[in-house]
Protein backbone atom coordinates (compact mmCIF):
# COMPACT_ATOMS: atom_id res chain seq x y z
CA UNK A 1 -48.73 -51.08 -49.31
CA UNK A 2 -49.98 -48.53 -46.84
CA UNK A 3 -53.31 -46.72 -46.83
CA UNK A 4 -51.91 -43.62 -48.56
CA UNK A 5 -50.70 -45.61 -51.54
CA UNK A 6 -53.99 -47.47 -51.83
CA UNK A 7 -55.92 -44.18 -51.66
CA UNK A 8 -53.71 -42.62 -54.30
CA UNK A 9 -54.17 -45.62 -56.60
CA UNK A 10 -57.94 -45.53 -56.12
CA UNK A 11 -57.99 -41.79 -56.83
CA UNK A 12 -55.91 -42.25 -59.96
CA UNK A 13 -58.21 -45.03 -61.19
CA UNK A 14 -61.28 -42.85 -60.62
CA UNK A 15 -59.71 -39.82 -62.28
CA UNK A 16 -58.64 -41.85 -65.30
CA UNK A 17 -62.10 -43.37 -65.58
CA UNK A 18 -63.71 -39.92 -65.50
CA UNK A 19 -61.36 -38.49 -68.14
CA UNK A 20 -61.52 -41.45 -70.52
CA UNK A 21 -65.10 -42.74 -70.12
CA UNK A 22 -67.08 -39.84 -68.64
CA UNK A 23 -68.99 -38.99 -65.50
CA UNK A 24 -71.43 -41.91 -65.33
CA UNK A 25 -68.68 -44.49 -65.76
CA UNK A 26 -66.86 -42.69 -62.93
CA UNK A 27 -69.93 -43.01 -60.71
CA UNK A 28 -70.31 -46.71 -61.58
CA UNK A 29 -66.64 -47.42 -60.79
CA UNK A 30 -66.86 -45.47 -57.52
CA UNK A 31 -69.94 -47.43 -56.41
CA UNK A 32 -68.27 -50.71 -57.36
CA UNK A 33 -65.17 -49.74 -55.33
CA UNK A 34 -67.36 -48.86 -52.33
CA UNK A 35 -69.25 -52.15 -52.51
CA UNK A 36 -65.97 -54.04 -52.79
CA UNK A 37 -64.55 -52.25 -49.75
CA UNK A 38 -67.64 -53.03 -47.67
CA UNK A 39 -67.59 -56.70 -48.69
CA UNK A 40 -63.89 -56.87 -47.90
CA UNK A 41 -64.48 -55.47 -44.40
CA UNK A 42 -67.29 -57.97 -43.81
CA UNK A 43 -65.08 -60.88 -44.90
CA UNK A 44 -62.19 -59.65 -42.72
CA UNK A 45 -64.56 -59.37 -39.76
CA UNK A 46 -63.95 -55.64 -39.29
CA UNK A 47 -67.58 -54.68 -39.99
CA UNK A 48 -70.40 -55.99 -37.82
CA UNK A 49 -73.37 -56.28 -40.17
CA UNK A 50 -75.89 -56.96 -37.39
CA UNK A 51 -74.91 -53.78 -35.51
CA UNK A 52 -75.00 -51.79 -38.73
CA UNK A 53 -78.54 -52.95 -39.57
CA UNK A 54 -79.65 -52.14 -36.00
CA UNK A 55 -78.34 -48.58 -36.38
CA UNK A 56 -80.05 -48.17 -39.77
CA UNK A 57 -83.35 -49.42 -38.33
CA UNK A 58 -83.05 -47.05 -35.36
CA UNK A 59 -82.85 -49.76 -32.74
CA UNK A 60 -79.51 -48.61 -31.41
CA UNK A 61 -77.74 -45.28 -31.44
CA UNK A 62 -74.08 -44.78 -32.18
CA UNK A 63 -73.43 -42.98 -28.90
């Protein structure tokens, strides 16, 4: 599966959640999907948590 298909499936899941269960369920599902994506990137090693916390704390700039 490529990124377009995954994005379309995620969009369909969010749209269906909004229609069937309402706005707040949509927000909850969207936040859960975001947390899952971040955890997946950390596990895969594609997200450096230490660098991210340094940027949030203002110790290092992105440029």
